[in-house]
C-alpha atoms as a PDB file:
ATOM      1  CA  MET A   1      -9.937 -36.919  24.424  1.00  0.00           C
ATOM      2  CA  SER A   2     -12.152 -33.898  23.837  1.00  0.00           C
ATOM      3  CA  GLN A   3      -9.153 -31.566  24.075  1.00  0.00           C
ATOM      4  CA  THR A   4      -7.387 -33.618  21.392  1.00  0.00           C
ATOM      5  CA  MET A   5     -10.464 -33.395  19.170  1.00  0.00           C
ATOM      6  CA  ASP A   6     -10.665 -29.642  19.719  1.00  0.00           C
ATOM      7  CA  LYS A   7      -7.007 -29.277  18.722  1.00  0.00           C
ATOM      8  CA  GLU A   8      -7.546 -31.289  15.571  1.00  0.00           C
ATOM      9  CA  LYS A   9     -10.580 -29.158  14.739  1.00  0.00           C
ATOM     10  CA  TYR A  10      -8.549 -25.952  15.206  1.00  0.00           C
ATOM     11  CA  ILE A  11      -5.742 -27.292  13.033  1.00  0.00           C
ATOM     12  CA  LYS A  12      -8.151 -28.353  10.297  1.00  0.00           C
ATOM     13  CA  GLU A  13      -9.953 -24.984  10.273  1.00  0.00           C
ATOM     14  CA  ALA A  14      -6.671 -23.073  10.319  1.00  0.00           C
ATOM     15  CA  SER A  15      -5.255 -25.206   7.507  1.00  0.00           C
ATOM     16  CA  GLU A  16      -8.319 -24.609   5.349  1.00  0.00           C
ATOM     17  CA  LYS A  17      -8.105 -20.879   5.902  1.00  0.00           C
ATOM     18  CA  PHE A  18      -4.376 -20.837   5.164  1.00  0.00           C
ATOM     19  CA  GLU A  19      -4.942 -22.806   1.961  1.00  0.00           C
ATOM     20  CA  ALA A  20      -7.504 -20.227   0.772  1.00  0.00           C
ATOM     21  CA  LEU A  21      -5.129 -17.364   1.561  1.00  0.00           C
ATOM     22  CA  LEU A  22      -2.251 -19.141  -0.154  1.00  0.00           C
ATOM     23  CA  ARG A  23      -4.264 -19.717  -3.334  1.00  0.00           C
ATOM     24  CA  GLU A  24      -5.288 -16.058  -3.295  1.00  0.00           C
ATOM     25  CA  GLN A  25      -1.680 -14.906  -2.970  1.00  0.00           C
ATOM     26  CA  ILE A  26      -0.513 -17.216  -5.758  1.00  0.00           C
ATOM     27  CA  LYS A  27      -3.123 -15.625  -8.034  1.00  0.00           C
ATOM     28  CA  ARG A  28      -2.027 -12.148  -6.941  1.00  0.00           C
ATOM     29  CA  ALA A  29       1.568 -12.971  -7.833  1.00  0.00           C
ATOM     30  CA  GLU A  30       0.482 -14.248 -11.255  1.00  0.00           C
ATOM     31  CA  ASP A  31      -1.598 -11.106 -11.851  1.00  0.00           C
ATOM     32  CA  MET A  32       1.427  -8.933 -11.058  1.00  0.00           C
ATOM     33  CA  LYS A  33       3.467 -10.682 -13.735  1.00  0.00           C
ATOM     34  CA  ASN A  34       0.776  -9.958 -16.332  1.00  0.00           C
ATOM     35  CA  ALA A  35      -0.086  -6.441 -15.180  1.00  0.00           C
ATOM     36  CA  ALA A  36       0.008  -3.498 -17.575  1.00  0.00           C
ATOM     37  CA  GLY A  37       2.671  -0.852 -17.138  1.00  0.00           C
ATOM     38  CA  ALA A  38       2.286   2.300 -15.087  1.00  0.00           C
ATOM     39  CA  LYS A  39      -0.117   4.966 -16.299  1.00  0.00           C
ATOM     40  CA  ASP A  40       1.503   7.691 -18.410  1.00  0.00           C
ATOM     41  CA  PHE A  41       0.080  10.827 -16.817  1.00  0.00           C
ATOM     42  CA  ALA A  42       1.772  13.107 -19.367  1.00  0.00           C
ATOM     43  CA  ALA A  43      -0.259  11.483 -22.137  1.00  0.00           C
ATOM     44  CA  LEU A  44      -3.647  11.906 -20.435  1.00  0.00           C
ATOM     45  CA  PRO A  45      -5.871  14.623 -21.932  1.00  0.00           C
ATOM     46  CA  GLN A  46      -7.290  15.290 -18.450  1.00  0.00           C
ATOM     47  CA  ILE A  47      -6.200  14.317 -14.947  1.00  0.00           C
ATOM     48  CA  THR A  48      -8.838  13.926 -12.244  1.00  0.00           C
ATOM     49  CA  ILE A  49      -7.634  14.413  -8.661  1.00  0.00           C
ATOM     50  CA  GLY A  50      -9.963  12.958  -6.045  1.00  0.00           C
ATOM     51  CA  LEU A  51     -10.008  14.731  -2.676  1.00  0.00           C
ATOM     52  CA  CYS A  52     -10.922  12.429   0.248  1.00  0.00           C
ATOM     53  CA  GLY A  53     -11.094  14.252   3.551  1.00  0.00           C
ATOM     54  CA  GLY A  54     -11.146  11.136   5.721  1.00  0.00           C
ATOM     55  CA  ASP A  55     -12.082  11.646   9.376  1.00  0.00           C
ATOM     56  CA  GLY A  56     -10.901  13.471  12.500  1.00  0.00           C
ATOM     57  CA  ILE A  57      -8.799  16.443  11.421  1.00  0.00           C
ATOM     58  CA  GLY A  58      -8.793  15.126   7.846  1.00  0.00           C
ATOM     59  CA  PRO A  59     -11.473  17.467   6.434  1.00  0.00           C
ATOM     60  CA  ILE A  60      -9.692  20.463   8.006  1.00  0.00           C
ATOM     61  CA  ILE A  61      -6.392  19.452   6.407  1.00  0.00           C
ATOM     62  CA  MET A  62      -8.067  18.748   3.057  1.00  0.00           C
ATOM     63  CA  ALA A  63      -9.724  22.166   2.952  1.00  0.00           C
ATOM     64  CA  GLU A  64      -6.289  23.811   3.162  1.00  0.00           C
ATOM     65  CA  ALA A  65      -4.777  21.325   0.716  1.00  0.00           C
ATOM     66  CA  GLU A  66      -7.517  22.098  -1.784  1.00  0.00           C
ATOM     67  CA  ARG A  67      -6.891  25.821  -1.354  1.00  0.00           C
ATOM     68  CA  LEU A  68      -3.199  25.261  -2.070  1.00  0.00           C
ATOM     69  CA  LEU A  69      -3.889  23.032  -5.085  1.00  0.00           C
ATOM     70  CA  THR A  70      -6.252  25.626  -6.518  1.00  0.00           C
ATOM     71  CA  LYS A  71      -3.428  28.157  -6.353  1.00  0.00           C
ATOM     72  CA  LEU A  72      -0.642  25.901  -7.649  1.00  0.00           C
ATOM     73  CA  LEU A  73      -2.733  24.392 -10.464  1.00  0.00           C
ATOM     74  CA  ALA A  74      -4.588  27.553 -11.468  1.00  0.00           C
ATOM     75  CA  GLU A  75      -3.587  27.312 -15.139  1.00  0.00           C
ATOM     76  CA  GLU A  76      -4.260  23.570 -15.391  1.00  0.00           C
ATOM     77  CA  LEU A  77      -7.653  23.934 -13.722  1.00  0.00           C
ATOM     78  CA  ALA A  78      -8.593  26.850 -15.958  1.00  0.00           C
ATOM     79  CA  SER A  79      -7.662  24.922 -19.118  1.00  0.00           C
ATOM     80  CA  GLY A  80      -9.418  21.745 -17.974  1.00  0.00           C
ATOM     81  CA  LYS A  81      -6.187  19.726 -17.945  1.00  0.00           C
ATOM     82  CA  VAL A  82      -6.803  19.018 -14.235  1.00  0.00           C
ATOM     83  CA  VAL A  83     -10.125  18.503 -12.450  1.00  0.00           C
ATOM     84  CA  LEU A  84     -10.591  18.388  -8.664  1.00  0.00           C
ATOM     85  CA  ARG A  85     -13.333  16.052  -7.423  1.00  0.00           C
ATOM     86  CA  LYS A  86     -14.466  15.879  -3.805  1.00  0.00           C
ATOM     87  CA  ILE A  87     -15.188  12.356  -2.565  1.00  0.00           C
ATOM     88  CA  GLU A  88     -17.292  12.030   0.568  1.00  0.00           C
ATOM     89  CA  GLY A  89     -18.021   8.978   2.708  1.00  0.00           C
ATOM     90  CA  LEU A  90     -14.593   7.976   4.005  1.00  0.00           C
ATOM     91  CA  THR A  91     -15.422   9.088   7.539  1.00  0.00           C
ATOM     92  CA  LEU A  92     -15.110   6.625  10.406  1.00  0.00           C
ATOM     93  CA  GLU A  93     -18.832   6.968  11.126  1.00  0.00           C
ATOM     94  CA  ASN A  94     -19.799   5.969   7.591  1.00  0.00           C
ATOM     95  CA  ARG A  95     -17.276   3.127   7.447  1.00  0.00           C
ATOM     96  CA  VAL A  96     -18.552   1.708  10.750  1.00  0.00           C
ATOM     97  CA  ALA A  97     -22.180   2.093   9.632  1.00  0.00           C
ATOM     98  CA  VAL A  98     -21.658   0.006   6.487  1.00  0.00           C
ATOM     99  CA  GLY A  99     -19.106  -2.314   8.117  1.00  0.00           C
ATOM    100  CA  LYS A 100     -16.388  -1.794   5.506  1.00  0.00           C
ATOM    101  CA  ALA A 101     -12.923  -0.253   5.660  1.00  0.00           C
ATOM    102  CA  VAL A 102     -13.789   1.549   2.406  1.00  0.00           C
ATOM    103  CA  PRO A 103     -17.487   1.575   1.406  1.00  0.00           C
ATOM    104  CA  ASP A 104     -18.189   0.211  -2.088  1.00  0.00           C
ATOM    105  CA  ASP A 105     -19.558   3.486  -3.482  1.00  0.00           C
ATOM    106  CA  VAL A 106     -16.532   5.391  -2.166  1.00  0.00           C
ATOM    107  CA  MET A 107     -14.140   2.848  -3.680  1.00  0.00           C
ATOM    108  CA  GLU A 108     -15.904   3.159  -7.025  1.00  0.00           C
ATOM    109  CA  GLU A 109     -15.495   6.941  -6.980  1.00  0.00           C
ATOM    110  CA  ILE A 110     -11.844   6.652  -6.000  1.00  0.00           C
ATOM    111  CA  LYS A 111     -11.139   4.225  -8.843  1.00  0.00           C
ATOM    112  CA  SER A 112     -12.673   6.674 -11.324  1.00  0.00           C
ATOM    113  CA  CYS A 113      -9.942   9.209 -10.504  1.00  0.00           C
ATOM    114  CA  ASP A 114      -6.340   9.303 -11.730  1.00  0.00           C
ATOM    115  CA  VAL A 115      -4.829  10.659  -8.496  1.00  0.00           C
ATOM    116  CA  ILE A 116      -6.094  10.577  -4.913  1.00  0.00           C
ATOM    117  CA  LEU A 117      -5.233  13.084  -2.196  1.00  0.00           C
ATOM    118  CA  LYS A 118      -6.451  11.571   1.060  1.00  0.00           C
ATOM    119  CA  GLY A 119      -6.695  12.841   4.622  1.00  0.00           C
ATOM    120  CA  PRO A 120      -6.051  10.617   7.670  1.00  0.00           C
ATOM    121  CA  THR A 121      -8.429   7.762   8.491  1.00  0.00           C
ATOM    122  CA  THR A 122      -8.847   6.046  11.840  1.00  0.00           C
ATOM    123  CA  THR A 123      -8.538   2.274  12.169  1.00  0.00           C
ATOM    124  CA  PRO A 124     -10.631   1.023  15.110  1.00  0.00           C
ATOM    125  CA  LYS A 125      -8.799  -1.112  17.650  1.00  0.00           C
ATOM    126  CA  GLY A 126     -10.111  -4.652  17.907  1.00  0.00           C
ATOM    127  CA  GLY A 127     -13.095  -5.873  15.960  1.00  0.00           C
ATOM    128  CA  SER A 128     -12.913  -7.041  12.368  1.00  0.00           C
ATOM    129  CA  MET A 129     -12.737  -3.768  10.430  1.00  0.00           C
ATOM    130  CA  GLY A 130      -9.479  -3.399   8.558  1.00  0.00           C
ATOM    131  CA  SER A 131      -7.514  -0.273   7.767  1.00  0.00           C
ATOM    132  CA  ALA A 132      -8.807   2.029   5.030  1.00  0.00           C
ATOM    133  CA  ASN A 133      -5.202   2.717   4.045  1.00  0.00           C
ATOM    134  CA  VAL A 134      -4.332  -0.970   3.704  1.00  0.00           C
ATOM    135  CA  THR A 135      -7.553  -1.599   1.764  1.00  0.00           C
ATOM    136  CA  LEU A 136      -6.754   1.195  -0.684  1.00  0.00           C
ATOM    137  CA  ARG A 137      -3.179  -0.029  -1.104  1.00  0.00           C
ATOM    138  CA  SER A 138      -4.457  -3.490  -1.952  1.00  0.00           C
ATOM    139  CA  GLU A 139      -7.339  -2.477  -4.221  1.00  0.00           C
ATOM    140  CA  LEU A 140      -5.304   0.139  -6.119  1.00  0.00           C
ATOM    141  CA  ASP A 141      -2.026  -1.816  -5.977  1.00  0.00           C
ATOM    142  CA  LEU A 142      -0.219   1.138  -4.395  1.00  0.00           C
ATOM    143  CA  TYR A 143       2.939  -0.834  -3.796  1.00  0.00           C
ATOM    144  CA  ALA A 144       5.432   2.007  -3.276  1.00  0.00           C
ATOM    145  CA  ASN A 145       5.211   4.142  -0.142  1.00  0.00           C
ATOM    146  CA  VAL A 146       7.637   6.953  -1.015  1.00  0.00           C
ATOM    147  CA  ARG A 147       8.702   9.255   1.817  1.00  0.00           C
ATOM    148  CA  PRO A 148      11.446  11.899   1.803  1.00  0.00           C
ATOM    149  CA  VAL A 149      13.547  12.827   4.831  1.00  0.00           C
ATOM    150  CA  CYS A 150      15.637  15.953   4.378  1.00  0.00           C
ATOM    151  CA  VAL A 151      17.702  17.632   7.127  1.00  0.00           C
ATOM    152  CA  PRO A 152      20.226  19.831   5.248  1.00  0.00           C
ATOM    153  CA  GLU A 153      22.161  20.892   8.325  1.00  0.00           C
ATOM    154  CA  GLU A 154      22.846  17.216   9.093  1.00  0.00           C
ATOM    155  CA  GLY A 155      23.662  16.315   5.501  1.00  0.00           C
ATOM    156  CA  ILE A 156      20.598  14.086   5.332  1.00  0.00           C
ATOM    157  CA  ASP A 157      18.740  13.812   2.018  1.00  0.00           C
ATOM    158  CA  TRP A 158      17.057  10.420   1.971  1.00  0.00           C
ATOM    159  CA  MET A 159      14.163   8.922   0.054  1.00  0.00           C
ATOM    160  CA  PHE A 160      12.485   5.862   1.522  1.00  0.00           C
ATOM    161  CA  TYR A 161      10.767   3.303  -0.744  1.00  0.00           C
ATOM    162  CA  ARG A 162       8.730   1.002   1.476  1.00  0.00           C
ATOM    163  CA  GLU A 163       6.858  -1.973   0.010  1.00  0.00           C
ATOM    164  CA  ASN A 164       3.226  -1.240   0.704  1.00  0.00           C
ATOM    165  CA  THR A 165       1.267  -4.296  -0.421  1.00  0.00           C
ATOM    166  CA  GLU A 166       3.316  -7.249   0.792  1.00  0.00           C
ATOM    167  CA  GLY A 167       5.066  -8.313   3.980  1.00  0.00           C
ATOM    168  CA  GLU A 168       2.782  -8.016   6.993  1.00  0.00           C
ATOM    169  CA  TYR A 169       0.435  -5.634   5.169  1.00  0.00           C
ATOM    170  CA  VAL A 170      -1.024  -7.996   2.601  1.00  0.00           C
ATOM    171  CA  LEU A 171      -2.658 -10.301   5.168  1.00  0.00           C
ATOM    172  CA  GLY A 172      -2.239  -8.217   8.312  1.00  0.00           C
ATOM    173  CA  SER A 173      -5.867  -8.351   9.377  1.00  0.00           C
ATOM    174  CA  ARG A 174      -6.596 -11.862   8.139  1.00  0.00           C
ATOM    175  CA  GLY A 175      -4.654 -14.071  10.503  1.00  0.00           C
ATOM    176  CA  ILE A 176      -6.043 -16.904  12.585  1.00  0.00           C
ATOM    177  CA  SER A 177      -7.174 -16.808  16.209  1.00  0.00           C
ATOM    178  CA  LEU A 178      -7.116 -20.123  18.053  1.00  0.00           C
ATOM    179  CA  ASP A 179      -7.730 -21.077  21.658  1.00  0.00           C
ATOM    180  CA  GLY A 180      -4.800 -19.452  23.483  1.00  0.00           C
ATOM    181  CA  MET A 181      -2.975 -18.534  20.286  1.00  0.00           C
ATOM    182  CA  ALA A 182      -3.050 -16.062  17.370  1.00  0.00           C
ATOM    183  CA  VAL A 183      -1.109 -16.359  14.093  1.00  0.00           C
ATOM    184  CA  ASP A 184      -0.570 -13.711  11.397  1.00  0.00           C
ATOM    185  CA  PHE A 185       1.010 -14.187   7.983  1.00  0.00           C
ATOM    186  CA  LYS A 186       3.743 -12.454   6.001  1.00  0.00           C
ATOM    187  CA  VAL A 187       4.085 -12.699   2.207  1.00  0.00           C
ATOM    188  CA  THR A 188       7.008 -11.857  -0.099  1.00  0.00           C
ATOM    189  CA  THR A 189       6.758 -12.468  -3.852  1.00  0.00           C
ATOM    190  CA  ASP A 190       9.436 -12.272  -6.540  1.00  0.00           C
ATOM    191  CA  ALA A 191       7.381  -9.893  -8.698  1.00  0.00           C
ATOM    192  CA  GLY A 192       6.481  -7.627  -5.790  1.00  0.00           C
ATOM    193  CA  THR A 193      10.081  -7.429  -4.622  1.00  0.00           C
ATOM    194  CA  ARG A 194      11.509  -6.741  -8.081  1.00  0.00           C
ATOM    195  CA  ARG A 195       9.186  -3.830  -8.785  1.00  0.00           C
ATOM    196  CA  ILE A 196       9.782  -2.027  -5.481  1.00  0.00           C
ATOM    197  CA  ALA A 197      13.537  -2.558  -5.743  1.00  0.00           C
ATOM    198  CA  ARG A 198      13.556  -1.311  -9.327  1.00  0.00           C
ATOM    199  CA  ALA A 199      11.478   1.731  -8.359  1.00  0.00           C
ATOM    200  CA  ALA A 200      14.074   2.664  -5.713  1.00  0.00           C
ATOM    201  CA  PHE A 201      17.027   2.119  -8.047  1.00  0.00           C
ATOM    202  CA  ASP A 202      15.334   4.057 -10.870  1.00  0.00           C
ATOM    203  CA  TYR A 203      14.771   6.970  -8.507  1.00  0.00           C
ATOM    204  CA  ALA A 204      18.423   6.858  -7.442  1.00  0.00           C
ATOM    205  CA  ARG A 205      19.634   6.831 -11.057  1.00  0.00           C
ATOM    206  CA  GLN A 206      17.311   9.650 -12.125  1.00  0.00           C
ATOM    207  CA  ASN A 207      18.272  11.847  -9.173  1.00  0.00           C
ATOM    208  CA  GLY A 208      22.039  11.396  -9.080  1.00  0.00           C
ATOM    209  CA  LYS A 209      22.074   9.124  -6.040  1.00  0.00           C
ATOM    210  CA  THR A 210      24.962   6.690  -5.748  1.00  0.00           C
ATOM    211  CA  ARG A 211      23.745   4.500  -2.906  1.00  0.00           C
ATOM    212  CA  VAL A 212      20.704   2.349  -2.174  1.00  0.00           C
ATOM    213  CA  SER A 213      20.340   0.542   1.154  1.00  0.00           C
ATOM    214  CA  ILE A 214      18.072  -2.504   1.549  1.00  0.00           C
ATOM    215  CA  VAL A 215      16.582  -2.724   5.045  1.00  0.00           C
ATOM    216  CA  THR A 216      15.136  -6.073   6.174  1.00  0.00           C
ATOM    217  CA  LYS A 217      15.225  -8.563   9.023  1.00  0.00           C
ATOM    218  CA  ALA A 218      16.710 -11.235   6.762  1.00  0.00           C
ATOM    219  CA  ASN A 219      18.931 -12.645   9.496  1.00  0.00           C
ATOM    220  CA  ILE A 220      15.792 -13.871  11.292  1.00  0.00           C
ATOM    221  CA  MET A 221      13.041 -13.903   8.644  1.00  0.00           C
ATOM    222  CA  LYS A 222      15.147 -16.045   6.336  1.00  0.00           C
ATOM    223  CA  LYS A 223      12.414 -17.093   3.914  1.00  0.00           C
ATOM    224  CA  THR A 224      10.515 -13.826   3.362  1.00  0.00           C
ATOM    225  CA  ASP A 225      13.057 -11.093   4.115  1.00  0.00           C
ATOM    226  CA  GLY A 226      15.793 -13.385   2.859  1.00  0.00           C
ATOM    227  CA  LYS A 227      14.052 -13.572  -0.521  1.00  0.00           C
ATOM    228  CA  PHE A 228      13.562  -9.785  -0.523  1.00  0.00           C
ATOM    229  CA  THR A 229      17.254  -9.146   0.107  1.00  0.00           C
ATOM    230  CA  ALA A 230      18.447 -11.669  -2.481  1.00  0.00           C
ATOM    231  CA  ILE A 231      16.184 -10.325  -5.233  1.00  0.00           C
ATOM    232  CA  ALA A 232      17.079  -6.710  -4.409  1.00  0.00           C
ATOM    233  CA  HIS A 233      20.749  -7.596  -4.909  1.00  0.00           C
ATOM    234  CA  GLU A 234      19.870  -9.232  -8.246  1.00  0.00           C
ATOM    235  CA  VAL A 235      18.115  -6.047  -9.383  1.00  0.00           C
ATOM    236  CA  ALA A 236      21.152  -4.026  -8.256  1.00  0.00           C
ATOM    237  CA  GLN A 237      23.243  -5.724 -10.947  1.00  0.00           C
ATOM    238  CA  ASP A 238      21.379  -3.650 -13.548  1.00  0.00           C
ATOM    239  CA  TYR A 239      22.580  -0.442 -11.846  1.00  0.00           C
ATOM    240  CA  PRO A 240      26.390  -0.841 -11.681  1.00  0.00           C
ATOM    241  CA  GLU A 241      26.969   2.854 -10.969  1.00  0.00           C
ATOM    242  CA  ILE A 242      24.958   2.623  -7.723  1.00  0.00           C
END
């Protein structure tokens, strides 16, 4: 009898948590629909680039990156069009000390910049602290992870557009642990899918690409990845040359 009661308690607690997450995600989807367009960097009188060293080898990498930026942007820095701002406090030690993936004061500084150049950050295994990267993606709505792969001798010139704020990422550290079981959640929204698909197709059109491939596990994840694939094909109709 007690085991049955324990199971019912687990189910009730899990259901309440899932309901809260679901309401949060519904609001996020609504906010996306009403969001303002992308920032027009060309129209800004001044662009502030925040430099976050991160931890481990991050500060070493950032020192060289800053040296390179200073050289490449010499004219812009001299005219005041671009400003470099160092942002401290994203080290693992500081994040552990305050118990946050990104400390509040660091997040505030980051949000005051137009562009962020960030070094690597460590995500502790176990515990409750989430990833600094995932936190920044969520807080700043950095939905497009854009990565080039170019191997000329193999004829490879690819650009990957990976959705950065949905799928497993959006709730990746907020699943439910039960007695003998753990459950994580995956989220796919119409608005989130349309904007990442359109970003990839726009890049293809602007750069003379004639092919876009949609990579999912839609044959198994029929609801989430199935939705992603279907909407991506809808968006493709607006790009008949691709």
